[in-house]
Amino acid sequence: MNLSPRHLIKLLEENGFIFKRSKGSHRLYYNPINNKTAIVPFHGGRDLKKGTFLAILRQAGIDKNETE
């Protein structure tokens, strides 16, 4: 499983999320259709922890089985 923040952002954008703003090392993505917000920590080239990655997907309403 690819746990990079770039991969997570790609999944969010494929599901209708758009980049809203950035502050420090966190990027905020918003989906105007279902009115959900996802905050992605972006710390250079470091991968996210598996639990963090899955929690962001869950909050965004994306099924983890669709990511493979």
N, C-alpha and C. Protein backbone atom coordinates (compact mmCIF):
# COMPACT_ATOMS: atom_id res chain seq x y z
N MET A 1 0.84 -1.17 0.00
CA MET A 1 0.00 0.00 0.00
C MET A 1 0.89 1.24 0.00
N ASN A 2 0.62 2.14 -0.93
CA ASN A 2 1.37 3.38 -1.05
C ASN A 2 0.83 4.38 -0.03
N LEU A 3 1.63 4.79 0.93
CA LEU A 3 1.19 5.67 2.00
C LEU A 3 1.72 7.09 1.85
N SER A 4 2.13 7.47 0.66
CA SER A 4 2.69 8.81 0.47
C SER A 4 1.56 9.84 0.42
N PRO A 5 1.85 11.05 0.90
CA PRO A 5 0.83 12.11 0.84
C PRO A 5 0.44 12.45 -0.60
N ARG A 6 1.37 12.33 -1.53
CA ARG A 6 1.06 12.61 -2.94
C ARG A 6 0.01 11.63 -3.46
N HIS A 7 0.12 10.38 -3.08
CA HIS A 7 -0.86 9.37 -3.50
C HIS A 7 -2.23 9.67 -2.88
N LEU A 8 -2.25 10.07 -1.63
CA LEU A 8 -3.50 10.41 -0.95
C LEU A 8 -4.16 11.61 -1.63
N ILE A 9 -3.37 12.61 -1.98
CA ILE A 9 -3.91 13.79 -2.66
C ILE A 9 -4.49 13.41 -4.01
N LYS A 10 -3.81 12.51 -4.72
CA LYS A 10 -4.31 12.04 -6.02
C LYS A 10 -5.66 11.35 -5.84
N LEU A 11 -5.81 10.53 -4.80
CA LEU A 11 -7.08 9.84 -4.53
C LEU A 11 -8.18 10.84 -4.20
N LEU A 12 -7.84 11.84 -3.41
CA LEU A 12 -8.83 12.86 -3.06
C LEU A 12 -9.31 13.62 -4.30
N GLU A 13 -8.35 14.01 -5.15
CA GLU A 13 -8.72 14.77 -6.35
C GLU A 13 -9.54 13.93 -7.32
N GLU A 14 -9.27 12.63 -7.39
CA GLU A 14 -10.07 11.75 -8.25
C GLU A 14 -11.51 11.61 -7.74
N ASN A 15 -11.71 11.89 -6.45
CA ASN A 15 -13.04 11.78 -5.85
C ASN A 15 -13.71 13.13 -5.65
N GLY A 16 -13.27 14.15 -6.38
CA GLY A 16 -13.96 15.43 -6.39
C GLY A 16 -13.44 16.47 -5.42
N PHE A 17 -12.36 16.20 -4.71
CA PHE A 17 -11.81 17.19 -3.77
C PHE A 17 -10.94 18.17 -4.53
N ILE A 18 -10.99 19.43 -4.11
CA ILE A 18 -10.16 20.47 -4.71
C ILE A 18 -9.30 21.11 -3.63
N PHE A 19 -8.13 21.57 -4.03
CA PHE A 19 -7.22 22.23 -3.10
C PHE A 19 -7.83 23.56 -2.68
N LYS A 20 -7.93 23.79 -1.38
CA LYS A 20 -8.52 25.02 -0.87
C LYS A 20 -7.43 25.97 -0.36
N ARG A 21 -6.57 25.46 0.55
CA ARG A 21 -5.52 26.32 1.09
C ARG A 21 -4.46 25.46 1.77
N SER A 22 -3.39 26.12 2.16
CA SER A 22 -2.29 25.45 2.82
C SER A 22 -1.81 26.33 3.97
N LYS A 23 -1.43 25.68 5.06
CA LYS A 23 -0.86 26.43 6.17
C LYS A 23 0.23 25.55 6.79
N GLY A 24 1.44 26.02 6.71
CA GLY A 24 2.55 25.23 7.22
C GLY A 24 2.73 23.98 6.39
N SER A 25 2.70 22.82 7.05
CA SER A 25 2.92 21.56 6.34
C SER A 25 1.62 20.78 6.15
N HIS A 26 0.48 21.46 6.24
CA HIS A 26 -0.81 20.80 6.07
C HIS A 26 -1.56 21.44 4.91
N ARG A 27 -2.19 20.58 4.11
CA ARG A 27 -2.96 21.04 2.95
C ARG A 27 -4.43 20.68 3.15
N LEU A 28 -5.30 21.63 2.89
CA LEU A 28 -6.72 21.44 3.10
C LEU A 28 -7.40 21.24 1.74
N TYR A 29 -8.13 20.14 1.63
CA TYR A 29 -8.88 19.82 0.41
C TYR A 29 -10.36 19.79 0.75
N TYR A 30 -11.18 20.31 -0.18
CA TYR A 30 -12.61 20.45 0.06
C TYR A 30 -13.40 19.85 -1.10
N ASN A 31 -14.48 19.14 -0.77
CA ASN A 31 -15.37 18.58 -1.78
C ASN A 31 -16.69 19.34 -1.71
N PRO A 32 -17.00 20.18 -2.71
CA PRO A 32 -18.23 20.97 -2.66
C PRO A 32 -19.50 20.14 -2.85
N ILE A 33 -19.38 18.96 -3.40
CA ILE A 33 -20.55 18.12 -3.65
C ILE A 33 -21.11 17.56 -2.35
N ASN A 34 -20.25 16.94 -1.54
CA ASN A 34 -20.72 16.36 -0.28
C ASN A 34 -20.33 17.19 0.94
N ASN A 35 -19.74 18.37 0.71
CA ASN A 35 -19.41 19.32 1.78
C ASN A 35 -18.47 18.72 2.83
N LYS A 36 -17.48 17.95 2.39
CA LYS A 36 -16.51 17.35 3.30
C LYS A 36 -15.15 18.00 3.11
N THR A 37 -14.39 18.01 4.19
CA THR A 37 -13.05 18.58 4.18
C THR A 37 -12.05 17.52 4.63
N ALA A 38 -10.89 17.49 3.98
CA ALA A 38 -9.83 16.56 4.35
C ALA A 38 -8.54 17.35 4.50
N ILE A 39 -7.86 17.16 5.61
CA ILE A 39 -6.58 17.84 5.87
C ILE A 39 -5.48 16.81 5.73
N VAL A 40 -4.54 17.09 4.83
CA VAL A 40 -3.45 16.16 4.54
C VAL A 40 -2.14 16.73 5.07
N PRO A 41 -1.49 16.04 6.03
CA PRO A 41 -0.16 16.48 6.46
C PRO A 41 0.86 16.17 5.38
N PHE A 42 1.64 17.14 5.01
CA PHE A 42 2.60 16.99 3.91
C PHE A 42 3.97 17.40 4.42
N HIS A 43 4.73 16.41 4.90
CA HIS A 43 6.04 16.67 5.48
C HIS A 43 7.14 16.17 4.55
N GLY A 44 7.31 16.86 3.45
CA GLY A 44 8.35 16.50 2.50
C GLY A 44 8.10 15.14 1.88
N GLY A 45 9.12 14.30 1.87
CA GLY A 45 9.00 12.99 1.25
C GLY A 45 8.60 11.88 2.20
N ARG A 46 8.27 12.22 3.46
CA ARG A 46 7.94 11.19 4.44
C ARG A 46 6.55 10.63 4.21
N ASP A 47 6.43 9.31 4.32
CA ASP A 47 5.14 8.65 4.20
C ASP A 47 4.31 8.88 5.46
N LEU A 48 2.99 8.78 5.28
CA LEU A 48 2.08 8.87 6.41
C LEU A 48 2.02 7.53 7.12
N LYS A 49 1.64 7.54 8.38
CA LYS A 49 1.41 6.28 9.08
C LYS A 49 0.12 5.69 8.53
N LYS A 50 0.02 4.37 8.56
CA LYS A 50 -1.12 3.68 7.97
C LYS A 50 -2.44 4.13 8.59
N GLY A 51 -2.47 4.27 9.91
CA GLY A 51 -3.69 4.70 10.59
C GLY A 51 -4.11 6.10 10.19
N THR A 52 -3.15 6.99 10.03
CA THR A 52 -3.45 8.36 9.61
C THR A 52 -4.00 8.37 8.20
N PHE A 53 -3.37 7.61 7.32
CA PHE A 53 -3.81 7.52 5.92
C PHE A 53 -5.25 7.02 5.84
N LEU A 54 -5.54 5.94 6.56
CA LEU A 54 -6.88 5.36 6.53
C LEU A 54 -7.92 6.27 7.20
N ALA A 55 -7.52 6.99 8.25
CA ALA A 55 -8.44 7.91 8.92
C ALA A 55 -8.83 9.06 8.00
N ILE A 56 -7.88 9.58 7.23
CA ILE A 56 -8.19 10.66 6.30
C ILE A 56 -9.13 10.16 5.21
N LEU A 57 -8.89 8.94 4.70
CA LEU A 57 -9.80 8.36 3.71
C LEU A 57 -11.21 8.20 4.28
N ARG A 58 -11.30 7.72 5.51
CA ARG A 58 -12.60 7.51 6.15
C ARG A 58 -13.34 8.84 6.32
N GLN A 59 -12.63 9.87 6.77
CA GLN A 59 -13.24 11.18 6.95
C GLN A 59 -13.71 11.77 5.62
N ALA A 60 -13.00 11.44 4.55
CA ALA A 60 -13.36 11.95 3.23
C ALA A 60 -14.49 11.14 2.60
N GLY A 61 -14.84 10.02 3.20
CA GLY A 61 -15.91 9.18 2.67
C GLY A 61 -15.47 8.30 1.52
N ILE A 62 -14.19 7.94 1.48
CA ILE A 62 -13.65 7.11 0.41
C ILE A 62 -13.40 5.71 0.99
N ASP A 63 -13.89 4.69 0.28
CA ASP A 63 -13.70 3.31 0.73
C ASP A 63 -12.24 2.89 0.51
N LYS A 64 -11.62 2.31 1.52
CA LYS A 64 -10.20 1.94 1.40
C LYS A 64 -9.98 0.84 0.37
N ASN A 65 -10.99 0.05 0.05
CA ASN A 65 -10.85 -1.00 -0.95
C ASN A 65 -10.79 -0.44 -2.36
N GLU A 66 -11.25 0.79 -2.58
CA GLU A 66 -11.21 1.42 -3.89
C GLU A 66 -9.83 1.98 -4.21
N THR A 67 -8.95 2.03 -3.24
CA THR A 67 -7.65 2.68 -3.44
C THR A 67 -6.62 1.77 -4.08
N GLU A 68 -6.88 0.51 -4.17
CA GLU A 68 -5.87 -0.44 -4.68
C GLU A 68 -5.93 -0.59 -6.17
